[in-house]
Amino acid sequence: MAALWEELFGLQRLGVNDNFFELGGNSLLGIQLISRVRKDFQIELPLNTLFESPSAAGLAAAIAETRLREKEAEEIERLLREIESLSPAELQATLAQELKNE
């Protein structure tokens, strides 16, 4: 992430806690940065994330959190598909087994 910022700002040394806006970042650079993050990390990240987390470390944490939420959503979708594929009898048996295990 810091390397991406260094490239964007044309700097050689950048701290992970340096503030995007204090470095001279503006809305145009912000759009470019978020666009590169989306492309490089293949993640949907809203522009306001940069305003909420204006450092490379903060943005990296936001990416990690977004990825975790995406994985959780994928797992929920998988479980729902699994449940929907069960017959009523299978669903009832599965629920009964889960209640027994508690």
N, C-alpha and C. Protein backbone atom coordinates (compact mmCIF):
# COMPACT_ATOMS: atom_id res chain seq x y z
N MET A 1 0.83 -1.18 0.00
CA MET A 1 0.00 0.00 0.00
C MET A 1 0.88 1.25 0.00
N ALA A 2 1.93 1.25 0.82
CA ALA A 2 2.82 2.41 0.87
C ALA A 2 3.48 2.64 -0.49
N ALA A 3 3.84 1.56 -1.18
CA ALA A 3 4.46 1.69 -2.50
C ALA A 3 3.49 2.34 -3.49
N LEU A 4 2.24 2.01 -3.38
CA LEU A 4 1.22 2.62 -4.24
C LEU A 4 1.13 4.12 -3.98
N TRP A 5 1.17 4.49 -2.71
CA TRP A 5 1.13 5.91 -2.35
C TRP A 5 2.38 6.62 -2.84
N GLU A 6 3.54 5.98 -2.66
CA GLU A 6 4.80 6.58 -3.12
C GLU A 6 4.74 6.86 -4.62
N GLU A 7 4.20 5.91 -5.36
CA GLU A 7 4.06 6.08 -6.81
C GLU A 7 3.10 7.23 -7.12
N LEU A 8 1.99 7.29 -6.43
CA LEU A 8 0.98 8.31 -6.67
C LEU A 8 1.51 9.71 -6.38
N PHE A 9 2.24 9.85 -5.27
CA PHE A 9 2.75 11.16 -4.88
C PHE A 9 4.14 11.47 -5.45
N GLY A 10 4.78 10.45 -6.04
CA GLY A 10 6.12 10.65 -6.57
C GLY A 10 7.16 10.80 -5.48
N LEU A 11 6.93 10.16 -4.35
CA LEU A 11 7.85 10.22 -3.22
C LEU A 11 8.64 8.91 -3.13
N GLN A 12 9.82 8.99 -2.49
CA GLN A 12 10.61 7.77 -2.35
C GLN A 12 10.42 7.11 -0.99
N ARG A 13 10.19 7.89 0.02
CA ARG A 13 9.99 7.34 1.37
C ARG A 13 8.70 7.88 1.93
N LEU A 14 7.84 6.97 2.29
CA LEU A 14 6.55 7.37 2.81
C LEU A 14 6.25 6.51 4.03
N GLY A 15 5.82 7.10 5.10
CA GLY A 15 5.46 6.35 6.29
C GLY A 15 4.04 5.80 6.17
N VAL A 16 3.82 4.64 6.74
CA VAL A 16 2.50 4.01 6.64
C VAL A 16 1.42 4.80 7.37
N ASN A 17 1.85 5.69 8.27
CA ASN A 17 0.88 6.50 9.02
C ASN A 17 0.78 7.93 8.51
N ASP A 18 1.49 8.24 7.42
CA ASP A 18 1.40 9.58 6.84
C ASP A 18 -0.03 9.81 6.34
N ASN A 19 -0.51 11.01 6.54
CA ASN A 19 -1.88 11.36 6.17
C ASN A 19 -1.94 11.76 4.70
N PHE A 20 -2.84 11.13 3.96
CA PHE A 20 -3.02 11.38 2.54
C PHE A 20 -3.19 12.86 2.24
N PHE A 21 -4.01 13.54 3.01
CA PHE A 21 -4.33 14.93 2.75
C PHE A 21 -3.19 15.87 3.16
N GLU A 22 -2.46 15.51 4.21
CA GLU A 22 -1.31 16.30 4.62
C GLU A 22 -0.16 16.19 3.62
N LEU A 23 -0.14 15.09 2.86
CA LEU A 23 0.88 14.92 1.82
C LEU A 23 0.54 15.71 0.55
N GLY A 24 -0.63 16.31 0.54
CA GLY A 24 -1.06 17.08 -0.64
C GLY A 24 -2.14 16.38 -1.44
N GLY A 25 -2.68 15.30 -0.89
CA GLY A 25 -3.74 14.57 -1.57
C GLY A 25 -4.99 15.40 -1.70
N ASN A 26 -5.67 15.24 -2.81
CA ASN A 26 -6.93 15.94 -3.04
C ASN A 26 -7.94 14.93 -3.59
N SER A 27 -9.12 15.40 -3.94
CA SER A 27 -10.17 14.47 -4.37
C SER A 27 -9.79 13.74 -5.67
N LEU A 28 -9.11 14.41 -6.58
CA LEU A 28 -8.70 13.76 -7.83
C LEU A 28 -7.69 12.65 -7.56
N LEU A 29 -6.69 12.94 -6.73
CA LEU A 29 -5.72 11.89 -6.36
C LEU A 29 -6.40 10.77 -5.58
N GLY A 30 -7.38 11.15 -4.76
CA GLY A 30 -8.13 10.15 -3.99
C GLY A 30 -8.87 9.18 -4.90
N ILE A 31 -9.49 9.72 -5.93
CA ILE A 31 -10.21 8.87 -6.89
C ILE A 31 -9.22 7.95 -7.60
N GLN A 32 -8.06 8.50 -7.99
CA GLN A 32 -7.04 7.67 -8.64
C GLN A 32 -6.54 6.57 -7.71
N LEU A 33 -6.32 6.92 -6.45
CA LEU A 33 -5.83 5.95 -5.47
C LEU A 33 -6.85 4.83 -5.27
N ILE A 34 -8.10 5.19 -5.03
CA ILE A 34 -9.13 4.18 -4.79
C ILE A 34 -9.32 3.32 -6.03
N SER A 35 -9.22 3.92 -7.19
CA SER A 35 -9.32 3.16 -8.44
C SER A 35 -8.20 2.13 -8.54
N ARG A 36 -6.99 2.53 -8.19
CA ARG A 36 -5.85 1.59 -8.21
C ARG A 36 -6.01 0.51 -7.15
N VAL A 37 -6.51 0.88 -5.99
CA VAL A 37 -6.73 -0.11 -4.93
C VAL A 37 -7.74 -1.14 -5.40
N ARG A 38 -8.82 -0.69 -6.01
CA ARG A 38 -9.85 -1.60 -6.53
C ARG A 38 -9.25 -2.55 -7.56
N LYS A 39 -8.43 -2.00 -8.46
CA LYS A 39 -7.82 -2.80 -9.52
C LYS A 39 -6.77 -3.76 -8.95
N ASP A 40 -5.85 -3.24 -8.15
CA ASP A 40 -4.74 -4.05 -7.64
C ASP A 40 -5.17 -5.10 -6.63
N PHE A 41 -6.14 -4.75 -5.79
CA PHE A 41 -6.57 -5.66 -4.73
C PHE A 41 -7.88 -6.37 -5.06
N GLN A 42 -8.48 -6.01 -6.19
CA GLN A 42 -9.74 -6.59 -6.64
C GLN A 42 -10.77 -6.61 -5.52
N ILE A 43 -11.06 -5.40 -5.08
CA ILE A 43 -11.98 -5.22 -3.97
C ILE A 43 -12.79 -3.95 -4.22
N GLU A 44 -14.03 -3.97 -3.84
CA GLU A 44 -14.87 -2.77 -3.96
C GLU A 44 -14.70 -1.96 -2.68
N LEU A 45 -14.16 -0.79 -2.83
CA LEU A 45 -13.91 0.08 -1.70
C LEU A 45 -14.48 1.46 -2.03
N PRO A 46 -15.41 1.96 -1.23
CA PRO A 46 -15.97 3.28 -1.52
C PRO A 46 -14.94 4.39 -1.28
N LEU A 47 -15.08 5.47 -2.00
CA LEU A 47 -14.15 6.60 -1.89
C LEU A 47 -14.11 7.16 -0.47
N ASN A 48 -15.24 7.15 0.22
CA ASN A 48 -15.25 7.73 1.57
C ASN A 48 -14.35 6.98 2.55
N THR A 49 -13.91 5.77 2.19
CA THR A 49 -12.98 5.01 3.03
C THR A 49 -11.69 5.80 3.21
N LEU A 50 -11.27 6.48 2.16
CA LEU A 50 -10.04 7.28 2.23
C LEU A 50 -10.20 8.43 3.22
N PHE A 51 -11.39 9.02 3.28
CA PHE A 51 -11.62 10.11 4.23
C PHE A 51 -11.68 9.59 5.66
N GLU A 52 -12.17 8.37 5.83
CA GLU A 52 -12.27 7.77 7.16
C GLU A 52 -10.94 7.19 7.63
N SER A 53 -10.12 6.74 6.68
CA SER A 53 -8.83 6.12 6.99
C SER A 53 -7.77 6.70 6.05
N PRO A 54 -7.30 7.93 6.31
CA PRO A 54 -6.45 8.61 5.34
C PRO A 54 -4.96 8.27 5.39
N SER A 55 -4.61 7.11 5.91
CA SER A 55 -3.21 6.68 5.89
C SER A 55 -3.11 5.34 5.18
N ALA A 56 -1.90 4.99 4.75
CA ALA A 56 -1.70 3.71 4.09
C ALA A 56 -2.07 2.56 5.03
N ALA A 57 -1.70 2.70 6.30
CA ALA A 57 -2.04 1.66 7.28
C ALA A 57 -3.55 1.57 7.48
N GLY A 58 -4.21 2.70 7.56
CA GLY A 58 -5.66 2.72 7.73
C GLY A 58 -6.38 2.13 6.53
N LEU A 59 -5.90 2.46 5.34
CA LEU A 59 -6.51 1.92 4.13
C LEU A 59 -6.28 0.42 4.03
N ALA A 60 -5.09 -0.03 4.41
CA ALA A 60 -4.81 -1.47 4.41
C ALA A 60 -5.73 -2.20 5.39
N ALA A 61 -5.96 -1.61 6.55
CA ALA A 61 -6.88 -2.21 7.53
C ALA A 61 -8.30 -2.25 6.98
N ALA A 62 -8.71 -1.19 6.27
CA ALA A 62 -10.05 -1.16 5.68
C ALA A 62 -10.19 -2.24 4.61
N ILE A 63 -9.13 -2.47 3.85
CA ILE A 63 -9.15 -3.53 2.84
C ILE A 63 -9.30 -4.89 3.51
N ALA A 64 -8.54 -5.12 4.57
CA ALA A 64 -8.63 -6.39 5.29
C ALA A 64 -10.02 -6.60 5.86
N GLU A 65 -10.60 -5.55 6.43
CA GLU A 65 -11.95 -5.65 7.00
C GLU A 65 -12.99 -5.93 5.91
N THR A 66 -12.84 -5.27 4.77
CA THR A 66 -13.77 -5.48 3.66
C THR A 66 -13.67 -6.91 3.15
N ARG A 67 -12.46 -7.41 3.04
CA ARG A 67 -12.27 -8.80 2.59
C ARG A 67 -12.90 -9.77 3.56
N LEU A 68 -12.76 -9.52 4.85
CA LEU A 68 -13.36 -10.38 5.86
C LEU A 68 -14.88 -10.38 5.73
N ARG A 69 -15.46 -9.19 5.55
CA ARG A 69 -16.91 -9.09 5.38
C ARG A 69 -17.37 -9.82 4.13
N GLU A 70 -16.59 -9.73 3.06
CA GLU A 70 -16.93 -10.42 1.81
C GLU A 70 -16.89 -11.94 2.01
N LYS A 71 -15.89 -12.42 2.74
CA LYS A 71 -15.80 -13.86 3.01
C LYS A 71 -16.97 -14.33 3.86
N GLU A 72 -17.33 -13.53 4.86
CA GLU A 72 -18.48 -13.87 5.70
C GLU A 72 -19.75 -13.92 4.87
N ALA A 73 -19.93 -12.97 3.97
CA ALA A 73 -21.12 -12.94 3.12
C ALA A 73 -21.15 -14.16 2.20
N GLU A 74 -19.99 -14.54 1.67
CA GLU A 74 -19.91 -15.73 0.82
C GLU A 74 -20.27 -16.99 1.61
N GLU A 75 -19.81 -17.06 2.85
CA GLU A 75 -20.12 -18.23 3.69
C GLU A 75 -21.61 -18.28 4.00
N ILE A 76 -22.22 -17.15 4.28
CA ILE A 76 -23.66 -17.10 4.54
C ILE A 76 -24.43 -17.54 3.30
N GLU A 77 -24.01 -17.06 2.13
CA GLU A 77 -24.67 -17.45 0.89
C GLU A 77 -24.54 -18.96 0.66
N ARG A 78 -23.36 -19.51 0.94
CA ARG A 78 -23.14 -20.95 0.78
C ARG A 78 -24.06 -21.74 1.70
N LEU A 79 -24.16 -21.30 2.95
CA LEU A 79 -25.03 -21.99 3.91
C LEU A 79 -26.50 -21.90 3.50
N LEU A 80 -26.90 -20.73 3.01
CA LEU A 80 -28.29 -20.59 2.56
C LEU A 80 -28.59 -21.51 1.38
N ARG A 81 -27.66 -21.62 0.43
CA ARG A 81 -27.86 -22.54 -0.70
C ARG A 81 -27.96 -23.98 -0.21
N GLU A 82 -27.13 -24.31 0.77
CA GLU A 82 -27.15 -25.66 1.34
C GLU A 82 -28.49 -25.94 2.02
N ILE A 83 -28.98 -24.98 2.78
CA ILE A 83 -30.26 -25.14 3.47
C ILE A 83 -31.40 -25.25 2.46
N GLU A 84 -31.35 -24.39 1.44
CA GLU A 84 -32.42 -24.41 0.43
C GLU A 84 -32.45 -25.71 -0.36
N SER A 85 -31.33 -26.42 -0.42
CA SER A 85 -31.29 -27.67 -1.17
C SER A 85 -31.84 -28.85 -0.37
N LEU A 86 -32.05 -28.65 0.93
CA LEU A 86 -32.56 -29.73 1.78
C LEU A 86 -34.07 -29.87 1.62
N SER A 87 -34.51 -31.10 1.69
CA SER A 87 -35.95 -31.34 1.71
C SER A 87 -36.46 -30.97 3.10
N PRO A 88 -37.77 -30.79 3.27
CA PRO A 88 -38.30 -30.48 4.60
C PRO A 88 -37.90 -31.52 5.65
N ALA A 89 -37.90 -32.78 5.27
CA ALA A 89 -37.53 -33.84 6.22
C ALA A 89 -36.05 -33.74 6.59
N GLU A 90 -35.21 -33.47 5.60
CA GLU A 90 -33.77 -33.34 5.87
C GLU A 90 -33.50 -32.13 6.76
N LEU A 91 -34.20 -31.04 6.48
CA LEU A 91 -34.05 -29.83 7.28
C LEU A 91 -34.46 -30.08 8.72
N GLN A 92 -35.59 -30.75 8.90
CA GLN A 92 -36.07 -31.05 10.25
C GLN A 92 -35.08 -31.96 10.98
N ALA A 93 -34.53 -32.95 10.29
CA ALA A 93 -33.55 -33.86 10.91
C ALA A 93 -32.28 -33.11 11.28
N THR A 94 -31.85 -32.22 10.43
CA THR A 94 -30.64 -31.43 10.70
C THR A 94 -30.85 -30.53 11.90
N LEU A 95 -31.99 -29.87 11.96
CA LEU A 95 -32.31 -29.00 13.10
C LEU A 95 -32.38 -29.80 14.39
N ALA A 96 -33.00 -30.97 14.35
CA ALA A 96 -33.12 -31.82 15.53
C ALA A 96 -31.73 -32.23 16.01
N GLN A 97 -30.85 -32.58 15.08
CA GLN A 97 -29.48 -32.97 15.44
C GLN A 97 -28.73 -31.78 16.07
N GLU A 98 -28.90 -30.59 15.51
CA GLU A 98 -28.24 -29.40 16.07
C GLU A 98 -28.74 -29.12 17.49
N LEU A 99 -30.03 -29.28 17.71
CA LEU A 99 -30.58 -29.05 19.05
C LEU A 99 -30.03 -30.06 20.04
N LYS A 100 -29.85 -31.28 19.57
CA LYS A 100 -29.29 -32.32 20.43
C LYS A 100 -27.85 -32.00 20.83
N ASN A 101 -27.11 -31.43 19.90
CA ASN A 101 -25.69 -31.13 20.13
C ASN A 101 -25.48 -29.96 21.07
N GLU A 102 -26.50 -29.15 21.29
CA GLU A 102 -26.34 -27.98 22.17
C GLU A 102 -26.36 -28.35 23.60
